[in-house]
Structure formats: C-alpha cells, structure tokens
Amino acid sequence: MVKNEEISFKLRLTDEEWENDEGGWRCSAMKIPGAEIEEIYAEGKALHSEVYKVDQKQEMILWRSTNTKPKKLTVL
C-alpha cells in the first residue's frame, strides 16, 4: 500500500507570472492535488494574509493591498 506523504517546496513568483487583468500571480503548483500554501514572503518578510488571497480554482495569488505589489514572492 502506498502512503500519502506530505511534500513541501518553495516557489519564487516574479513579474513573469503576474497577470495584470487578474491582479495576481499565476501559481500552477496549485494544480497538484492537495496543494496548500503555508506562507508567502516578500523581501524576506512574511506577508499578512490580508494583503493577498489564494484562489485555488483559478491557480492565482491575488494582490489585495493598496500598496505597490512586490517584485517577487517566495511561496511555501
């Protein structure tokens, strides 16, 4: 019998993944069954969940802050 083991990895999202029309970053890793985002960092600091929204269905991390979006995100 095969055990389901948790896998964790780090992604870096940049302007290449940014979608202006959606206001967020494409994150195709969300296609992986059971994928969950634990934390998101910008410039080495954890972002508060109020400034972004994870849209699992659209495979996007949407920017919800009025502040300028970071140039890159690190996603765990």
C-alpha atoms as a PDB file:
ATOM      1  CA  MET A   1       0.000   0.000   0.000  1.00  0.00           C
ATOM      2  CA  VAL A   2       1.285   3.471  -0.910  1.00  0.00           C
ATOM      3  CA  LYS A   3       1.324   6.089   1.824  1.00  0.00           C
ATOM      4  CA  ASN A   4       0.382   9.657   1.095  1.00  0.00           C
ATOM      5  CA  GLU A   5       3.350  11.671   2.230  1.00  0.00           C
ATOM      6  CA  GLU A   6       3.373  15.418   2.552  1.00  0.00           C
ATOM      7  CA  ILE A   7       5.665  17.220   0.184  1.00  0.00           C
ATOM      8  CA  SER A   8       6.766  20.781   0.721  1.00  0.00           C
ATOM      9  CA  PHE A   9       8.654  23.067  -1.593  1.00  0.00           C
ATOM     10  CA  LYS A  10       9.465  26.713  -2.182  1.00  0.00           C
ATOM     11  CA  LEU A  11       8.393  28.697  -5.241  1.00  0.00           C
ATOM     12  CA  ARG A  12       9.549  32.073  -6.425  1.00  0.00           C
ATOM     13  CA  LEU A  13       6.947  34.097  -8.316  1.00  0.00           C
ATOM     14  CA  THR A  14       8.069  37.141 -10.307  1.00  0.00           C
ATOM     15  CA  ASP A  15       6.690  39.615 -12.837  1.00  0.00           C
ATOM     16  CA  GLU A  16       6.746  36.771 -15.380  1.00  0.00           C
ATOM     17  CA  GLU A  17       3.849  35.126 -13.501  1.00  0.00           C
ATOM     18  CA  TRP A  18       1.985  38.417 -12.887  1.00  0.00           C
ATOM     19  CA  GLU A  19      -1.378  38.783 -14.648  1.00  0.00           C
ATOM     20  CA  ASN A  20      -2.461  42.434 -14.896  1.00  0.00           C
ATOM     21  CA  ASP A  21      -6.072  41.587 -15.735  1.00  0.00           C
ATOM     22  CA  GLU A  22      -6.402  39.387 -12.653  1.00  0.00           C
ATOM     23  CA  GLY A  23      -4.227  41.450 -10.333  1.00  0.00           C
ATOM     24  CA  GLY A  24      -2.234  38.461  -9.188  1.00  0.00           C
ATOM     25  CA  TRP A  25       0.430  35.865  -9.844  1.00  0.00           C
ATOM     26  CA  ARG A  26      -0.217  32.602 -11.694  1.00  0.00           C
ATOM     27  CA  CYS A  27       0.792  29.683  -9.487  1.00  0.00           C
ATOM     28  CA  SER A  28       0.480  26.465 -11.473  1.00  0.00           C
ATOM     29  CA  ALA A  29       1.735  24.438  -8.494  1.00  0.00           C
ATOM     30  CA  MET A  30      -1.825  24.731  -7.171  1.00  0.00           C
ATOM     31  CA  LYS A  31      -2.762  22.093  -9.770  1.00  0.00           C
ATOM     32  CA  ILE A  32      -1.068  19.499  -7.571  1.00  0.00           C
ATOM     33  CA  PRO A  33      -3.772  17.588  -5.668  1.00  0.00           C
ATOM     34  CA  GLY A  34      -3.776  18.587  -2.016  1.00  0.00           C
ATOM     35  CA  ALA A  35      -1.502  21.592  -2.601  1.00  0.00           C
ATOM     36  CA  GLU A  36      -1.723  24.238   0.102  1.00  0.00           C
ATOM     37  CA  ILE A  37       0.112  27.494   0.610  1.00  0.00           C
ATOM     38  CA  GLU A  38       1.502  27.819   4.117  1.00  0.00           C
ATOM     39  CA  GLU A  39       3.165  31.229   3.927  1.00  0.00           C
ATOM     40  CA  ILE A  40       4.092  33.918   1.447  1.00  0.00           C
ATOM     41  CA  TYR A  41       7.150  36.145   1.802  1.00  0.00           C
ATOM     42  CA  ALA A  42       8.219  39.360   0.095  1.00  0.00           C
ATOM     43  CA  GLU A  43      11.671  40.843   0.646  1.00  0.00           C
ATOM     44  CA  GLY A  44      12.336  38.286   3.372  1.00  0.00           C
ATOM     45  CA  LYS A  45       9.257  39.174   5.442  1.00  0.00           C
ATOM     46  CA  ALA A  46       6.111  37.114   5.847  1.00  0.00           C
ATOM     47  CA  LEU A  47       3.076  38.788   4.310  1.00  0.00           C
ATOM     48  CA  HIS A  48      -0.081  39.186   6.352  1.00  0.00           C
ATOM     49  CA  SER A  49      -2.944  37.226   4.807  1.00  0.00           C
ATOM     50  CA  GLU A  50      -4.974  40.454   4.448  1.00  0.00           C
ATOM     51  CA  VAL A  51      -2.775  41.640   1.549  1.00  0.00           C
ATOM     52  CA  TYR A  52      -3.337  38.587  -0.656  1.00  0.00           C
ATOM     53  CA  LYS A  53      -5.968  35.994  -1.472  1.00  0.00           C
ATOM     54  CA  VAL A  54      -5.252  32.473  -2.668  1.00  0.00           C
ATOM     55  CA  ASP A  55      -7.664  31.478  -5.434  1.00  0.00           C
ATOM     56  CA  GLN A  56      -7.150  27.732  -5.697  1.00  0.00           C
ATOM     57  CA  LYS A  57      -9.651  27.292  -8.517  1.00  0.00           C
ATOM     58  CA  GLN A  58      -8.014  29.932 -10.725  1.00  0.00           C
ATOM     59  CA  GLU A  59      -4.489  28.934  -9.592  1.00  0.00           C
ATOM     60  CA  MET A  60      -3.754  32.534  -8.633  1.00  0.00           C
ATOM     61  CA  ILE A  61      -2.392  34.502  -5.705  1.00  0.00           C
ATOM     62  CA  LEU A  62      -4.293  37.780  -5.876  1.00  0.00           C
ATOM     63  CA  TRP A  63      -2.814  41.029  -4.534  1.00  0.00           C
ATOM     64  CA  ARG A  64      -5.346  42.782  -2.275  1.00  0.00           C
ATOM     65  CA  SER A  65      -3.267  45.615  -0.848  1.00  0.00           C
ATOM     66  CA  THR A  66      -3.338  49.249  -1.950  1.00  0.00           C
ATOM     67  CA  ASN A  67       0.453  49.210  -1.582  1.00  0.00           C
ATOM     68  CA  THR A  68       2.624  48.515  -4.613  1.00  0.00           C
ATOM     69  CA  LYS A  69       2.914  44.789  -5.284  1.00  0.00           C
ATOM     70  CA  PRO A  70       6.258  43.166  -4.524  1.00  0.00           C
ATOM     71  CA  LYS A  71       8.518  42.408  -7.499  1.00  0.00           C
ATOM     72  CA  LYS A  72       8.777  38.791  -6.362  1.00  0.00           C
ATOM     73  CA  LEU A  73       7.179  36.449  -3.859  1.00  0.00           C
ATOM     74  CA  THR A  74       8.532  33.394  -2.141  1.00  0.00           C
ATOM     75  CA  VAL A  75       5.739  30.893  -1.594  1.00  0.00           C
ATOM     76  CA  LEU A  76       5.928  27.998   0.869  1.00  0.00           C
END
